[in-house]
N, C-alpha and C. Protein backbone atom coordinates (compact mmCIF):
# COMPACT_ATOMS: atom_id res chain seq x y z
N MET A 1 53.59 0.48 260.05
CA MET A 1 53.41 -0.08 260.33
C MET A 1 53.22 -1.66 261.07
N ALA A 2 53.49 -1.76 261.63
CA ALA A 2 53.30 -3.61 262.58
C ALA A 2 52.05 -3.97 262.52
N GLY A 3 51.99 -5.24 262.33
CA GLY A 3 50.78 -6.29 262.00
C GLY A 3 50.84 -6.38 263.52
N GLU A 4 49.26 -6.59 263.50
CA GLU A 4 48.61 -6.81 264.99
C GLU A 4 48.15 -8.37 265.43
N VAL A 5 48.84 -8.72 266.28
CA VAL A 5 49.27 -10.38 266.67
C VAL A 5 48.05 -10.38 267.09
N VAL A 6 46.91 -11.65 267.34
CA VAL A 6 46.38 -12.10 268.32
C VAL A 6 46.18 -13.43 268.79
N GLY A 7 46.31 -13.80 270.35
CA GLY A 7 46.66 -14.93 270.49
C GLY A 7 45.44 -14.85 271.42
N ILE A 8 45.05 -16.80 271.45
CA ILE A 8 43.89 -17.29 272.27
C ILE A 8 44.54 -17.89 273.30
N VAL A 9 44.24 -17.36 274.13
CA VAL A 9 44.50 -18.19 275.68
C VAL A 9 43.83 -18.83 275.26
N GLY A 10 44.38 -20.44 275.79
CA GLY A 10 43.69 -22.06 276.12
C GLY A 10 43.15 -22.06 274.61
N MET A 11 44.29 -22.10 273.76
CA MET A 11 43.55 -22.61 272.38
C MET A 11 44.89 -24.02 272.18
N GLN A 12 45.65 -24.61 273.15
CA GLN A 12 45.81 -25.79 273.19
C GLN A 12 45.12 -26.62 273.81
N ALA A 13 44.49 -26.28 274.93
CA ALA A 13 43.72 -27.16 276.06
C ALA A 13 42.48 -27.20 275.04
N LEU A 14 41.92 -25.60 274.37
CA LEU A 14 40.46 -26.59 273.45
C LEU A 14 41.19 -27.56 272.98
N ARG A 15 42.46 -27.52 271.93
CA ARG A 15 42.74 -28.35 270.56
C ARG A 15 42.75 -30.00 271.50
N ARG A 16 42.90 -29.82 272.70
CA ARG A 16 43.19 -31.53 273.30
C ARG A 16 41.82 -31.79 273.43
N ASP A 17 40.89 -30.67 273.90
CA ASP A 17 39.50 -31.10 273.87
C ASP A 17 39.23 -31.45 273.48
N ILE A 18 39.06 -30.96 271.93
CA ILE A 18 38.67 -31.77 270.94
C ILE A 18 38.43 -32.71 270.14
N ALA A 19 40.20 -32.63 270.35
CA ALA A 19 40.66 -33.95 270.03
C ALA A 19 40.44 -35.33 270.65
N ARG A 20 40.43 -35.17 271.84
CA ARG A 20 40.57 -36.25 273.04
C ARG A 20 38.59 -36.80 272.63
N MET A 21 37.13 -35.44 272.14
CA MET A 21 36.14 -35.30 272.04
C MET A 21 35.99 -36.78 271.21
N SER A 22 37.01 -36.13 269.60
CA SER A 22 36.28 -36.62 268.56
C SER A 22 37.26 -38.49 268.74
N THR A 23 38.09 -38.98 269.27
CA THR A 23 38.47 -39.75 269.38
C THR A 23 38.28 -40.72 270.01
N ASP A 24 37.75 -40.70 271.42
CA ASP A 24 36.88 -41.48 271.95
C ASP A 24 35.50 -41.17 271.96
N VAL A 25 35.38 -42.98 271.09
CA VAL A 25 33.17 -42.88 270.49
C VAL A 25 32.69 -43.09 272.16
N SER A 26 33.60 -43.82 273.29
CA SER A 26 32.15 -44.35 274.82
C SER A 26 32.18 -42.71 275.32
N GLY A 27 32.81 -41.47 274.54
CA GLY A 27 33.29 -40.43 275.17
C GLY A 27 31.76 -39.59 275.64
N PRO A 28 31.65 -38.40 276.09
CA PRO A 28 30.55 -37.85 276.16
C PRO A 28 30.12 -37.22 275.26
N LEU A 29 30.76 -36.88 274.70
CA LEU A 29 30.28 -36.74 273.54
C LEU A 29 29.38 -36.85 272.51
N TYR A 30 29.80 -37.93 271.77
CA TYR A 30 29.22 -39.21 271.13
C TYR A 30 28.09 -39.80 272.07
N ARG A 31 28.55 -40.13 273.16
CA ARG A 31 27.03 -40.38 273.39
C ARG A 31 26.09 -39.52 273.86
N ALA A 32 26.39 -37.99 273.58
CA ALA A 32 25.56 -37.20 273.34
C ALA A 32 25.14 -36.99 272.69
N ILE A 33 25.60 -37.20 271.51
CA ILE A 33 25.03 -37.11 270.29
C ILE A 33 24.37 -38.03 270.08
N LYS A 34 24.56 -39.28 270.08
CA LYS A 34 23.60 -40.93 270.04
C LYS A 34 22.36 -40.17 270.90
N ASP A 35 22.49 -39.87 272.31
CA ASP A 35 21.02 -39.57 272.64
C ASP A 35 20.51 -38.85 272.01
N ALA A 36 21.10 -37.24 271.37
CA ALA A 36 20.15 -35.83 270.61
C ALA A 36 19.59 -36.60 270.18
N GLY A 37 20.30 -37.62 268.80
CA GLY A 37 19.62 -38.21 267.92
C GLY A 37 18.24 -38.87 268.05
N LYS A 38 18.67 -39.51 268.90
CA LYS A 38 17.45 -40.59 269.04
C LYS A 38 16.33 -39.72 269.67
N ARG A 39 16.39 -38.59 270.80
CA ARG A 39 15.49 -37.81 271.20
C ARG A 39 14.79 -37.57 270.29
N ALA A 40 16.24 -36.68 269.09
CA ALA A 40 14.93 -35.54 268.14
C ALA A 40 14.17 -36.26 267.30
N VAL A 41 14.52 -37.68 266.97
CA VAL A 41 13.53 -38.69 266.01
C VAL A 41 12.21 -39.08 266.59
N GLU A 42 12.07 -39.13 268.18
CA GLU A 42 11.06 -39.96 268.79
C GLU A 42 9.64 -39.08 268.18
N PRO A 43 9.50 -38.00 267.81
CA PRO A 43 8.34 -36.95 267.34
C PRO A 43 8.28 -37.88 266.10
N VAL A 44 8.71 -38.81 265.22
CA VAL A 44 8.44 -38.87 263.81
C VAL A 44 7.61 -40.55 264.65
N ALA A 45 8.96 -41.23 264.97
CA ALA A 45 8.13 -42.58 265.18
C ALA A 45 7.01 -42.62 265.62
N ALA A 46 6.57 -41.54 266.97
CA ALA A 46 5.39 -41.46 267.62
C ALA A 46 4.53 -41.38 266.69
N ARG A 47 4.29 -40.25 265.23
CA ARG A 47 3.28 -40.28 264.66
C ARG A 47 3.23 -41.07 264.14
N THR A 48 4.60 -42.23 263.42
CA THR A 48 4.77 -43.66 262.57
C THR A 48 3.43 -44.04 263.06
N ARG A 49 4.13 -44.43 264.68
CA ARG A 49 3.18 -45.59 265.44
C ARG A 49 1.37 -45.13 265.15
N GLN A 50 2.05 -43.59 265.78
CA GLN A 50 -0.31 -43.68 265.58
C GLN A 50 -0.95 -43.78 263.90
N THR A 51 0.00 -43.51 262.54
CA THR A 51 -0.83 -43.56 261.55
C THR A 51 -0.29 -44.99 261.31
N VAL A 52 0.24 -45.65 261.26
CA VAL A 52 0.36 -46.86 261.26
C VAL A 52 -0.56 -47.86 262.47
N GLY A 53 -0.88 -47.77 263.42
CA GLY A 53 -1.20 -48.09 263.98
C GLY A 53 -3.18 -48.67 263.97
N GLY A 54 -3.46 -47.14 262.96
CA GLY A 54 -4.82 -46.78 262.86
C GLY A 54 -5.36 -47.83 261.17
N LEU A 55 -4.41 -48.54 260.70
CA LEU A 55 -4.66 -50.05 260.17
C LEU A 55 -5.54 -50.51 260.62
N ASP A 56 -4.53 -50.54 261.92
CA ASP A 56 -5.25 -52.17 262.19
C ASP A 56 -6.95 -52.11 263.10
N GLN A 57 -7.41 -52.06 261.85
CA GLN A 57 -8.83 -51.90 262.90
C GLN A 57 -9.90 -53.38 262.71
N ARG A 58 -8.87 -54.34 262.10
CA ARG A 58 -9.66 -55.59 261.42
C ARG A 58 -9.23 -56.39 262.48
N PRO A 59 -10.10 -57.76 262.41
CA PRO A 59 -9.59 -59.01 263.56
C PRO A 59 -8.76 -59.72 263.22
N PRO A 60 -7.89 -60.11 264.11
CA PRO A 60 -6.82 -60.78 263.48
C PRO A 60 -7.31 -61.73 262.22
N ASP A 61 -5.93 -62.26 261.42
CA ASP A 61 -6.93 -63.55 260.57
C ASP A 61 -5.55 -63.95 260.69
N ASN A 62 -4.94 -65.18 260.17
CA ASN A 62 -4.20 -66.19 260.17
C ASN A 62 -3.17 -65.83 259.60
N TRP A 63 -2.55 -63.94 258.94
CA TRP A 63 -1.41 -63.90 259.15
C TRP A 63 -1.12 -62.74 259.53
N THR A 64 -2.06 -61.76 260.13
CA THR A 64 -1.90 -60.35 260.79
C THR A 64 -2.08 -60.34 262.11
N THR A 65 -1.46 -59.84 263.67
CA THR A 65 -2.15 -59.66 264.43
C THR A 65 -2.37 -58.11 264.49
N PRO A 66 -2.97 -57.42 264.76
CA PRO A 66 -3.58 -56.06 265.18
C PRO A 66 -2.31 -55.91 265.62
N GLY A 67 -1.49 -54.28 265.49
CA GLY A 67 -1.09 -53.44 266.39
C GLY A 67 0.25 -54.05 266.05
N ARG A 68 0.51 -54.98 264.79
CA ARG A 68 1.77 -56.13 265.02
C ARG A 68 3.24 -55.15 264.38
N LEU A 69 3.01 -53.92 263.37
CA LEU A 69 3.27 -53.76 262.71
C LEU A 69 3.86 -52.07 263.38
N ALA A 70 3.01 -51.68 263.85
CA ALA A 70 3.50 -50.22 264.96
C ALA A 70 4.34 -50.52 265.80
N ALA A 71 3.80 -51.80 266.40
CA ALA A 71 5.08 -51.67 267.67
C ALA A 71 6.39 -52.00 267.03
N THR A 72 6.40 -52.74 265.56
CA THR A 72 7.96 -52.20 265.38
C THR A 72 8.95 -50.93 265.26
N VAL A 73 7.95 -50.13 264.99
CA VAL A 73 8.41 -48.78 264.99
C VAL A 73 9.15 -48.11 266.33
N ARG A 74 10.65 -48.09 265.57
CA ARG A 74 12.00 -48.07 267.14
C ARG A 74 13.02 -47.21 266.52
N THR A 75 13.57 -46.22 268.00
CA THR A 75 14.55 -45.62 267.28
C THR A 75 15.42 -45.34 267.80
N SER A 76 17.05 -45.11 267.62
CA SER A 76 17.59 -45.11 267.52
C SER A 76 18.87 -44.29 267.21
N GLY A 77 20.33 -44.09 267.77
CA GLY A 77 20.90 -42.87 267.84
C GLY A 77 21.67 -43.32 267.01
N THR A 78 22.87 -42.42 266.34
CA THR A 78 24.44 -42.89 266.48
C THR A 78 25.21 -41.86 266.57
N LYS A 79 26.19 -41.86 265.58
CA LYS A 79 27.34 -41.10 266.02
C LYS A 79 26.96 -39.61 265.33
N THR A 80 26.27 -40.17 264.21
CA THR A 80 25.94 -38.51 263.51
C THR A 80 24.72 -38.21 263.43
N GLY A 81 23.82 -38.83 264.00
CA GLY A 81 22.28 -38.91 264.52
C GLY A 81 21.10 -39.15 264.42
N GLY A 82 19.89 -39.80 263.95
CA GLY A 82 19.62 -40.80 265.07
C GLY A 82 18.70 -41.29 263.73
N ALA A 83 17.70 -42.47 264.04
CA ALA A 83 17.03 -42.96 262.63
C ALA A 83 15.54 -43.47 263.57
N VAL A 84 14.85 -43.73 262.35
CA VAL A 84 13.64 -44.79 262.55
C VAL A 84 13.51 -45.70 261.61
N ARG A 85 12.96 -46.75 262.56
CA ARG A 85 13.62 -47.73 261.80
C ARG A 85 11.51 -48.22 262.36
N MET A 86 11.21 -49.46 261.10
CA MET A 86 9.81 -50.35 261.00
C MET A 86 10.37 -51.78 260.61
N GLY A 87 9.59 -52.82 261.32
CA GLY A 87 9.19 -53.61 260.53
C GLY A 87 10.96 -54.68 261.37
N LEU A 88 10.45 -56.02 261.26
CA LEU A 88 11.22 -56.62 261.78
C LEU A 88 11.72 -57.85 261.08
N ALA A 89 12.43 -58.82 261.05
CA ALA A 89 12.50 -60.24 260.68
C ALA A 89 10.82 -61.03 261.29
N ARG A 90 10.31 -60.64 261.61
CA ARG A 90 9.32 -61.42 262.02
C ARG A 90 7.68 -61.08 261.54
N VAL A 91 8.38 -59.41 261.06
CA VAL A 91 6.98 -58.62 260.85
C VAL A 91 7.86 -58.41 258.91
N PRO A 92 8.01 -59.21 258.22
CA PRO A 92 8.43 -58.52 256.64
C PRO A 92 7.26 -57.78 255.82
N TYR A 93 6.48 -57.81 256.54
CA TYR A 93 5.87 -56.82 255.47
C TYR A 93 6.17 -54.99 255.73
N ALA A 94 6.66 -54.72 255.90
CA ALA A 94 6.61 -53.49 256.25
C ALA A 94 6.81 -52.51 255.22
N GLY A 95 7.67 -53.06 254.14
CA GLY A 95 7.81 -52.27 253.20
C GLY A 95 7.19 -52.45 252.25
N TRP A 96 6.44 -53.24 251.77
CA TRP A 96 5.04 -53.38 251.15
C TRP A 96 3.84 -52.73 251.67
N VAL A 97 3.77 -52.50 252.77
CA VAL A 97 2.28 -51.79 253.87
C VAL A 97 3.01 -50.17 253.19
N GLU A 98 4.15 -49.58 253.55
CA GLU A 98 4.76 -48.63 253.17
C GLU A 98 4.99 -48.21 251.97
N PHE A 99 5.08 -48.75 251.09
CA PHE A 99 5.85 -48.19 249.57
C PHE A 99 4.68 -49.22 248.75
N GLY A 100 4.59 -50.50 249.09
CA GLY A 100 3.29 -51.69 247.98
C GLY A 100 3.70 -51.77 247.06
N GLY A 101 3.03 -52.00 245.78
CA GLY A 101 4.19 -53.06 245.10
C GLY A 101 3.34 -54.53 245.41
N HIS A 102 4.15 -55.43 244.90
CA HIS A 102 3.62 -56.83 244.56
C HIS A 102 4.41 -57.82 245.56
N ARG A 103 3.91 -58.78 245.99
CA ARG A 103 3.95 -59.98 247.43
C ARG A 103 3.28 -61.28 246.93
N PHE A 104 3.70 -62.53 247.56
CA PHE A 104 3.83 -63.55 247.41
C PHE A 104 3.32 -64.35 248.35
N ARG A 105 3.86 -63.55 249.84
CA ARG A 105 4.14 -64.45 250.62
C ARG A 105 3.46 -63.66 251.77
N PRO A 106 2.64 -63.67 252.69
CA PRO A 106 1.62 -65.27 252.49
C PRO A 106 0.95 -65.34 251.34
N HIS A 107 0.79 -64.93 251.17
CA HIS A 107 -0.65 -65.17 250.28
C HIS A 107 0.17 -64.20 249.01
N GLN A 108 -0.18 -64.02 247.59
CA GLN A 108 -0.09 -63.49 246.28
C GLN A 108 -1.35 -62.20 246.92
N SER A 109 -0.52 -60.61 246.43
CA SER A 109 -1.59 -59.70 246.90
C SER A 109 -0.86 -58.46 245.79
N GLN A 110 -0.95 -57.38 245.76
CA GLN A 110 -0.55 -55.79 244.91
C GLN A 110 -1.56 -54.48 246.21
N ARG A 111 -0.44 -53.97 245.98
CA ARG A 111 -0.95 -52.14 246.15
C ARG A 111 -0.15 -51.38 246.11
N ASP A 112 -0.90 -50.27 245.36
CA ASP A 112 -0.23 -49.02 244.39
C ASP A 112 0.78 -48.95 245.03
N TYR A 113 2.13 -48.86 244.50
CA TYR A 113 3.28 -48.50 245.01
C TYR A 113 3.13 -46.93 245.38
N VAL A 114 3.64 -46.64 245.92
CA VAL A 114 4.36 -45.00 246.71
C VAL A 114 5.62 -44.50 246.69
N GLN A 115 6.09 -43.96 245.58
CA GLN A 115 7.56 -43.75 245.82
C GLN A 115 7.95 -42.91 247.00
N GLY A 116 6.83 -42.08 247.87
CA GLY A 116 7.32 -41.10 248.86
C GLY A 116 7.00 -42.08 250.41
N GLY A 117 6.37 -43.13 250.05
CA GLY A 117 5.81 -44.37 251.25
C GLY A 117 4.63 -43.41 252.30
N ARG A 118 3.89 -43.76 252.88
CA ARG A 118 2.55 -43.77 253.44
C ARG A 118 2.61 -43.13 255.04
N TYR A 119 3.86 -44.01 255.15
CA TYR A 119 3.38 -43.24 257.13
C TYR A 119 4.92 -42.75 257.21
N LEU A 120 6.02 -43.59 256.95
CA LEU A 120 7.50 -42.99 257.80
C LEU A 120 7.72 -41.80 257.62
N PHE A 121 8.00 -41.74 256.05
CA PHE A 121 8.18 -40.98 255.71
C PHE A 121 7.37 -39.97 255.74
N PRO A 122 6.31 -39.84 254.89
CA PRO A 122 5.73 -38.51 255.50
C PRO A 122 5.90 -37.74 256.52
N ALA A 123 5.79 -38.99 257.58
CA ALA A 123 6.32 -38.24 258.92
C ALA A 123 7.20 -37.90 259.24
N ALA A 124 8.35 -38.39 258.55
CA ALA A 124 9.70 -37.56 258.63
C ALA A 124 9.71 -36.40 258.25
N GLN A 125 9.50 -36.23 257.01
CA GLN A 125 9.21 -34.51 256.05
C GLN A 125 8.71 -34.40 256.79
N GLY A 126 7.26 -34.20 257.03
CA GLY A 126 6.62 -33.02 258.17
C GLY A 126 7.15 -32.48 259.48
N LEU A 127 8.15 -33.64 260.11
CA LEU A 127 8.53 -33.34 261.33
C LEU A 127 10.34 -32.66 260.95
N ALA A 128 10.57 -32.80 260.03
CA ALA A 128 11.82 -32.33 259.88
C ALA A 128 12.25 -30.96 260.56
N PRO A 129 12.34 -30.15 260.34
CA PRO A 129 11.66 -28.87 261.42
C PRO A 129 12.37 -29.13 262.91
N VAL A 130 11.29 -29.50 263.43
CA VAL A 130 11.25 -30.08 264.94
C VAL A 130 12.12 -31.18 265.15
N ALA A 131 12.49 -31.93 264.62
CA ALA A 131 13.39 -32.67 265.21
C ALA A 131 14.96 -32.33 265.03
N ALA A 132 14.94 -31.31 263.69
CA ALA A 132 16.53 -30.52 263.52
C ALA A 132 16.68 -29.74 264.33
N GLN A 133 15.65 -28.76 264.94
CA GLN A 133 15.62 -27.98 266.15
C GLN A 133 15.61 -28.77 267.76
N LEU A 134 14.79 -29.92 267.89
CA LEU A 134 15.59 -30.60 268.87
C LEU A 134 17.15 -31.39 269.09
N TYR A 135 17.14 -31.53 267.62
CA TYR A 135 18.97 -31.79 268.07
C TYR A 135 19.67 -30.95 268.02
N ALA A 136 19.50 -29.33 266.79
CA ALA A 136 20.87 -28.50 267.92
C ALA A 136 20.64 -28.22 269.09
N ASP A 137 19.32 -28.57 269.62
CA ASP A 137 19.18 -27.54 270.96
C ASP A 137 19.84 -28.46 272.19
N ALA A 138 20.00 -29.89 271.65
CA ALA A 138 20.43 -30.63 272.29
C ALA A 138 22.35 -30.92 272.51
N ILE A 139 23.24 -30.61 270.96
CA ILE A 139 23.92 -30.40 270.62
C ILE A 139 24.29 -29.07 271.38
N GLY A 140 24.26 -28.55 270.84
CA GLY A 140 23.97 -27.29 271.62
C GLY A 140 24.44 -27.42 273.21
N ARG A 141 23.04 -27.66 274.65
CA ARG A 141 23.18 -28.54 275.39
C ARG A 141 24.91 -29.09 275.82
N VAL A 142 25.38 -30.01 275.11
CA VAL A 142 26.26 -30.77 275.23
C VAL A 142 27.65 -29.81 274.89
N LEU A 143 28.13 -28.90 274.19
CA LEU A 143 29.54 -28.62 274.12
C LEU A 143 29.08 -26.95 274.92
N ASN A 144 27.63 -27.06 275.31
CA ASN A 144 27.81 -25.73 276.34
C ASN A 144 28.25 -26.33 277.76
N SER A 145 28.48 -27.30 278.00
CA SER A 145 27.94 -28.27 279.22
C SER A 145 30.02 -28.91 279.23
N PRO A 146 30.26 -28.35 280.89
CA PRO A 146 31.50 -28.82 281.70
C PRO A 146 31.52 -29.59 282.09
N ALA A 147 30.74 -30.89 281.49
CA ALA A 147 31.00 -31.93 281.56
C ALA A 147 31.88 -32.34 280.15
N VAL A 148 32.26 -32.01 279.11
CA VAL A 148 33.42 -32.38 278.23
C VAL A 148 34.73 -31.61 278.29
N TRP A 149 34.13 -30.68 278.60
CA TRP A 149 35.56 -29.86 279.05
C TRP A 149 36.81 -30.03 280.02
N THR A 150 38.14 -29.59 279.81
CA THR A 150 38.47 -29.52 280.98
C THR A 150 38.91 -28.59 281.42
N ASN A 151 39.21 -27.28 280.50
CA ASN A 151 39.14 -26.22 282.11
C ASN A 151 37.63 -25.44 281.37
N THR A 152 37.15 -25.41 282.88
CA THR A 152 35.45 -24.88 282.82
C THR A 152 35.70 -24.17 283.84
N THR A 153 36.66 -22.95 283.16
CA THR A 153 36.70 -21.50 283.69
C THR A 153 36.59 -20.60 282.83
N ASP A 154 35.77 -19.15 283.20
CA ASP A 154 36.72 -18.10 282.03
C ASP A 154 36.52 -17.08 281.99
N GLU A 155 37.68 -17.92 283.84
CA GLU A 155 38.90 -16.27 284.02
C GLU A 155 39.92 -16.73 283.68
N GLY A 156 40.46 -15.41 282.76
CA GLY A 156 41.87 -15.79 281.92
C GLY A 156 42.77 -15.95 282.99
N SER A 157 42.88 -16.10 284.45
CA SER A 157 44.49 -15.77 284.77
C SER A 157 44.44 -17.19 285.18
N ALA A 158 43.40 -18.03 285.07
CA ALA A 158 43.03 -19.02 285.30
C ALA A 158 42.91 -20.90 284.12
N VAL A 159 43.17 -19.70 282.59
CA VAL A 159 43.21 -20.31 281.44
C VAL A 159 45.24 -20.51 281.17
N HIS A 160 45.92 -21.97 280.95
CA HIS A 160 46.94 -22.03 280.57
C HIS A 160 46.83 -23.01 279.23
N ASP A 161 48.43 -22.71 279.00
CA ASP A 161 48.56 -23.69 277.27
C ASP A 161 49.69 -24.88 277.80
């Protein structure tokens, strides 16, 4: 009995499209992955801004301005996902607020250390399934989009290698 042979029509075109998408870092696939990553982590950033913003119910003093830390929570997309960041060089106390510990500037103070974080990390853990689903949906849309494929038909006679 002869072995059956299966041929996939358009396989060379598929390989060419995948190679083109994976080497062109400014191409539609990487742009879509970055956008998907940024959109996926936005709920985490929004919840973090909300919880951190609740800290600043006190009047301004010599060291802080209310709402300053919440304003530094930002998102970014990368070619492998998304990220949420908190703090800037001019707002250097983000790590101390999130995790606690000892600090000496602008004045000496102590805060109980919390290994899992207080605001950003709990928000990320609580919204991980939502972020994963948003990311998967966005990646699915780009992979099903004709914008990234050179062969945009499913008619067998039109496909060539």
